[in-house]
Amino acid sequence: MPNFFNEYECPRCDTTWEQEADSMCDDKCPNCNLAVQAHASEEIEEVEDEQA
């Protein structure tokens, strides 16, 4: 299942943060609680453990 590495920047207080999630989703600013859209997202693939 693909995951996304999302980057956020709050327009209200300029706080920046990153989040790995299973979608390109909105998040709440950890500083002021404003709902913020990701300004950048990158799809990443999980590496599955190979068992011998």
PDB file of N, CA and C in Angstrom:
ATOM      1  N   MET A   1       0.849  -1.168   0.000  1.00  0.00           N
ATOM      2  CA  MET A   1       0.000   0.000   0.000  1.00  0.00           C
ATOM      3  C   MET A   1       0.898   1.236   0.000  1.00  0.00           C
ATOM      4  N   PRO A   2       0.626   2.184  -0.880  1.00  0.00           N
ATOM      5  CA  PRO A   2       1.446   3.399  -0.899  1.00  0.00           C
ATOM      6  C   PRO A   2       1.149   4.287   0.298  1.00  0.00           C
ATOM      7  N   ASN A   3       2.155   4.968   0.704  1.00  0.00           N
ATOM      8  CA  ASN A   3       2.029   5.985   1.750  1.00  0.00           C
ATOM      9  C   ASN A   3       2.473   7.302   1.162  1.00  0.00           C
ATOM     10  N   PHE A   4       2.184   8.365   1.865  1.00  0.00           N
ATOM     11  CA  PHE A   4       2.566   9.690   1.415  1.00  0.00           C
ATOM     12  C   PHE A   4       3.349  10.402   2.508  1.00  0.00           C
ATOM     13  N   PHE A   5       4.371  11.120   2.091  1.00  0.00           N
ATOM     14  CA  PHE A   5       5.141  11.985   2.977  1.00  0.00           C
ATOM     15  C   PHE A   5       4.645  13.393   2.701  1.00  0.00           C
ATOM     16  N   ASN A   6       3.914  13.957   3.641  1.00  0.00           N
ATOM     17  CA  ASN A   6       3.269  15.257   3.470  1.00  0.00           C
ATOM     18  C   ASN A   6       4.022  16.340   4.237  1.00  0.00           C
ATOM     19  N   GLU A   7       4.147  17.497   3.626  1.00  0.00           N
ATOM     20  CA  GLU A   7       4.777  18.649   4.265  1.00  0.00           C
ATOM     21  C   GLU A   7       3.746  19.765   4.372  1.00  0.00           C
ATOM     22  N   TYR A   8       3.722  20.407   5.530  1.00  0.00           N
ATOM     23  CA  TYR A   8       2.728  21.437   5.826  1.00  0.00           C
ATOM     24  C   TYR A   8       3.411  22.719   6.285  1.00  0.00           C
ATOM     25  N   GLU A   9       2.738  23.843   6.008  1.00  0.00           N
ATOM     26  CA  GLU A   9       3.155  25.138   6.551  1.00  0.00           C
ATOM     27  C   GLU A   9       1.893  25.917   6.879  1.00  0.00           C
ATOM     28  N   CYS A  10       1.763  26.289   8.124  1.00  0.00           N
ATOM     29  CA  CYS A  10       0.567  26.991   8.579  1.00  0.00           C
ATOM     30  C   CYS A  10       0.614  28.451   8.132  1.00  0.00           C
ATOM     31  N   PRO A  11      -0.436  28.912   7.429  1.00  0.00           N
ATOM     32  CA  PRO A  11      -0.463  30.312   7.002  1.00  0.00           C
ATOM     33  C   PRO A  11      -0.735  31.294   8.137  1.00  0.00           C
ATOM     34  N   ARG A  12      -1.252  30.791   9.241  1.00  0.00           N
ATOM     35  CA  ARG A  12      -1.571  31.672  10.370  1.00  0.00           C
ATOM     36  C   ARG A  12      -0.343  31.943  11.232  1.00  0.00           C
ATOM     37  N   CYS A  13       0.419  30.895  11.584  1.00  0.00           N
ATOM     38  CA  CYS A  13       1.513  31.079  12.548  1.00  0.00           C
ATOM     39  C   CYS A  13       2.886  30.659  12.007  1.00  0.00           C
ATOM     40  N   ASP A  14       2.945  30.245  10.731  1.00  0.00           N
ATOM     41  CA  ASP A  14       4.197  29.878  10.047  1.00  0.00           C
ATOM     42  C   ASP A  14       4.871  28.624  10.602  1.00  0.00           C
ATOM     43  N   THR A  15       4.160  27.818  11.392  1.00  0.00           N
ATOM     44  CA  THR A  15       4.709  26.553  11.861  1.00  0.00           C
ATOM     45  C   THR A  15       4.808  25.587  10.683  1.00  0.00           C
ATOM     46  N   THR A  16       5.898  24.852  10.591  1.00  0.00           N
ATOM     47  CA  THR A  16       6.055  23.827   9.562  1.00  0.00           C
ATOM     48  C   THR A  16       6.182  22.464  10.230  1.00  0.00           C
ATOM     49  N   TRP A  17       5.656  21.443   9.554  1.00  0.00           N
ATOM     50  CA  TRP A  17       5.779  20.079  10.065  1.00  0.00           C
ATOM     51  C   TRP A  17       5.612  19.094   8.924  1.00  0.00           C
ATOM     52  N   GLU A  18       5.965  17.846   9.206  1.00  0.00           N
ATOM     53  CA  GLU A  18       5.899  16.764   8.226  1.00  0.00           C
ATOM     54  C   GLU A  18       5.107  15.623   8.832  1.00  0.00           C
ATOM     55  N   GLN A  19       4.495  14.833   7.947  1.00  0.00           N
ATOM     56  CA  GLN A  19       3.697  13.709   8.414  1.00  0.00           C
ATOM     57  C   GLN A  19       3.699  12.626   7.351  1.00  0.00           C
ATOM     58  N   GLU A  20       3.852  11.388   7.767  1.00  0.00           N
ATOM     59  CA  GLU A  20       3.684  10.251   6.875  1.00  0.00           C
ATOM     60  C   GLU A  20       2.285   9.709   7.112  1.00  0.00           C
ATOM     61  N   ALA A  21       1.507   9.569   6.029  1.00  0.00           N
ATOM     62  CA  ALA A  21       0.120   9.130   6.152  1.00  0.00           C
ATOM     63  C   ALA A  21      -0.231   8.242   4.964  1.00  0.00           C
ATOM     64  N   ASP A  22      -1.389   7.596   5.038  1.00  0.00           N
ATOM     65  CA  ASP A  22      -1.802   6.720   3.941  1.00  0.00           C
ATOM     66  C   ASP A  22      -2.561   7.473   2.848  1.00  0.00           C
ATOM     67  N   SER A  23      -2.613   8.803   2.951  1.00  0.00           N
ATOM     68  CA  SER A  23      -3.247   9.626   1.926  1.00  0.00           C
ATOM     69  C   SER A  23      -2.652  11.034   1.965  1.00  0.00           C
ATOM     70  N   MET A  24      -3.015  11.821   0.948  1.00  0.00           N
ATOM     71  CA  MET A  24      -2.621  13.228   0.937  1.00  0.00           C
ATOM     72  C   MET A  24      -3.710  13.993   1.680  1.00  0.00           C
ATOM     73  N   CYS A  25      -3.629  13.994   2.991  1.00  0.00           N
ATOM     74  CA  CYS A  25      -4.726  14.527   3.795  1.00  0.00           C
ATOM     75  C   CYS A  25      -4.366  15.864   4.433  1.00  0.00           C
ATOM     76  N   ASP A  26      -5.412  16.588   4.799  1.00  0.00           N
ATOM     77  CA  ASP A  26      -5.231  17.798   5.592  1.00  0.00           C
ATOM     78  C   ASP A  26      -4.818  17.395   6.999  1.00  0.00           C
ATOM     79  N   ASP A  27      -4.220  18.329   7.715  1.00  0.00           N
ATOM     80  CA  ASP A  27      -3.825  18.083   9.096  1.00  0.00           C
ATOM     81  C   ASP A  27      -4.088  19.364   9.879  1.00  0.00           C
ATOM     82  N   LYS A  28      -4.069  19.269  11.180  1.00  0.00           N
ATOM     83  CA  LYS A  28      -4.232  20.457  12.025  1.00  0.00           C
ATOM     84  C   LYS A  28      -2.871  20.913  12.514  1.00  0.00           C
ATOM     85  N   CYS A  29      -2.663  22.214  12.484  1.00  0.00           N
ATOM     86  CA  CYS A  29      -1.410  22.793  12.943  1.00  0.00           C
ATOM     87  C   CYS A  29      -1.199  22.424  14.417  1.00  0.00           C
ATOM     88  N   PRO A  30      -0.020  21.902  14.751  1.00  0.00           N
ATOM     89  CA  PRO A  30       0.244  21.535  16.140  1.00  0.00           C
ATOM     90  C   PRO A  30       0.369  22.743  17.070  1.00  0.00           C
ATOM     91  N   ASN A  31       0.509  23.931  16.492  1.00  0.00           N
ATOM     92  CA  ASN A  31       0.672  25.142  17.302  1.00  0.00           C
ATOM     93  C   ASN A  31      -0.652  25.883  17.532  1.00  0.00           C
ATOM     94  N   CYS A  32      -1.436  26.102  16.452  1.00  0.00           N
ATOM     95  CA  CYS A  32      -2.651  26.918  16.585  1.00  0.00           C
ATOM     96  C   CYS A  32      -3.937  26.177  16.219  1.00  0.00           C
ATOM     97  N   ASN A  33      -3.826  24.914  15.802  1.00  0.00           N
ATOM     98  CA  ASN A  33      -4.969  24.038  15.526  1.00  0.00           C
ATOM     99  C   ASN A  33      -5.744  24.389  14.259  1.00  0.00           C
ATOM    100  N   LEU A  34      -5.185  25.207  13.369  1.00  0.00           N
ATOM    101  CA  LEU A  34      -5.823  25.541  12.103  1.00  0.00           C
ATOM    102  C   LEU A  34      -5.741  24.343  11.152  1.00  0.00           C
ATOM    103  N   ALA A  35      -6.813  24.034  10.427  1.00  0.00           N
ATOM    104  CA  ALA A  35      -6.786  22.979   9.410  1.00  0.00           C
ATOM    105  C   ALA A  35      -5.957  23.474   8.224  1.00  0.00           C
ATOM    106  N   VAL A  36      -4.973  22.674   7.809  1.00  0.00           N
ATOM    107  CA  VAL A  36      -4.019  23.081   6.780  1.00  0.00           C
ATOM    108  C   VAL A  36      -3.881  21.970   5.747  1.00  0.00           C
ATOM    109  N   GLN A  37      -3.858  22.368   4.461  1.00  0.00           N
ATOM    110  CA  GLN A  37      -3.590  21.417   3.390  1.00  0.00           C
ATOM    111  C   GLN A  37      -2.089  21.248   3.235  1.00  0.00           C
ATOM    112  N   ALA A  38      -1.671  20.055   2.830  1.00  0.00           N
ATOM    113  CA  ALA A  38      -0.256  19.816   2.565  1.00  0.00           C
ATOM    114  C   ALA A  38       0.187  20.690   1.395  1.00  0.00           C
ATOM    115  N   HIS A  39       1.337  21.333   1.525  1.00  0.00           N
ATOM    116  CA  HIS A  39       1.842  22.139   0.410  1.00  0.00           C
ATOM    117  C   HIS A  39       2.737  21.305  -0.485  1.00  0.00           C
ATOM    118  N   ALA A  40       3.146  20.121   0.002  1.00  0.00           N
ATOM    119  CA  ALA A  40       3.925  19.188  -0.812  1.00  0.00           C
ATOM    120  C   ALA A  40       3.636  17.773  -0.318  1.00  0.00           C
ATOM    121  N   SER A  41       3.497  16.840  -1.255  1.00  0.00           N
ATOM    122  CA  SER A  41       3.289  15.432  -0.924  1.00  0.00           C
ATOM    123  C   SER A  41       4.105  14.589  -1.880  1.00  0.00           C
ATOM    124  N   GLU A  42       4.671  13.541  -1.328  1.00  0.00           N
ATOM    125  CA  GLU A  42       5.450  12.609  -2.140  1.00  0.00           C
ATOM    126  C   GLU A  42       4.991  11.201  -1.821  1.00  0.00           C
ATOM    127  N   GLU A  43       4.647  10.439  -2.854  1.00  0.00           N
ATOM    128  CA  GLU A  43       4.236   9.057  -2.637  1.00  0.00           C
ATOM    129  C   GLU A  43       5.479   8.219  -2.342  1.00  0.00           C
ATOM    130  N   ILE A  44       5.403   7.449  -1.282  1.00  0.00           N
ATOM    131  CA  ILE A  44       6.509   6.566  -0.923  1.00  0.00           C
ATOM    132  C   ILE A  44       5.962   5.149  -0.796  1.00  0.00           C
ATOM    133  N   GLU A  45       6.801   4.187  -1.058  1.00  0.00           N
ATOM    134  CA  GLU A  45       6.390   2.801  -0.954  1.00  0.00           C
ATOM    135  C   GLU A  45       7.028   2.174   0.265  1.00  0.00           C
ATOM    136  N   GLU A  46       6.240   1.384   0.975  1.00  0.00           N
ATOM    137  CA  GLU A  46       6.773   0.682   2.126  1.00  0.00           C
ATOM    138  C   GLU A  46       7.675  -0.433   1.655  1.00  0.00           C
ATOM    139  N   VAL A  47       8.761  -0.634   2.370  1.00  0.00           N
ATOM    140  CA  VAL A  47       9.664  -1.732   2.077  1.00  0.00           C
ATOM    141  C   VAL A  47       9.198  -2.932   2.891  1.00  0.00           C
ATOM    142  N   GLU A  48       8.862  -4.010   2.197  1.00  0.00           N
ATOM    143  CA  GLU A  48       8.399  -5.196   2.899  1.00  0.00           C
ATOM    144  C   GLU A  48       9.598  -6.020   3.359  1.00  0.00           C
ATOM    145  N   ASP A  49       9.494  -6.538   4.568  1.00  0.00           N
ATOM    146  CA  ASP A  49      10.556  -7.374   5.101  1.00  0.00           C
ATOM    147  C   ASP A  49      10.580  -8.697   4.363  1.00  0.00           C
ATOM    148  N   GLU A  50      11.765  -9.098   3.906  1.00  0.00           N
ATOM    149  CA  GLU A  50      11.917 -10.399   3.260  1.00  0.00           C
ATOM    150  C   GLU A  50      12.378 -11.387   4.291  1.00  0.00           C
ATOM    151  N   GLN A  51      11.641 -12.478   4.416  1.00  0.00           N
ATOM    152  CA  GLN A  51      12.017 -13.501   5.375  1.00  0.00           C
ATOM    153  C   GLN A  51      12.508 -14.715   4.608  1.00  0.00           C
ATOM    154  N   ALA A  52      13.657 -15.237   5.030  1.00  0.00           N
ATOM    155  CA  ALA A  52      14.263 -16.379   4.340  1.00  0.00           C
ATOM    156  C   ALA A  52      13.659 -17.677   4.806  1.00  0.00           C
TER     157      ALA A  52
END
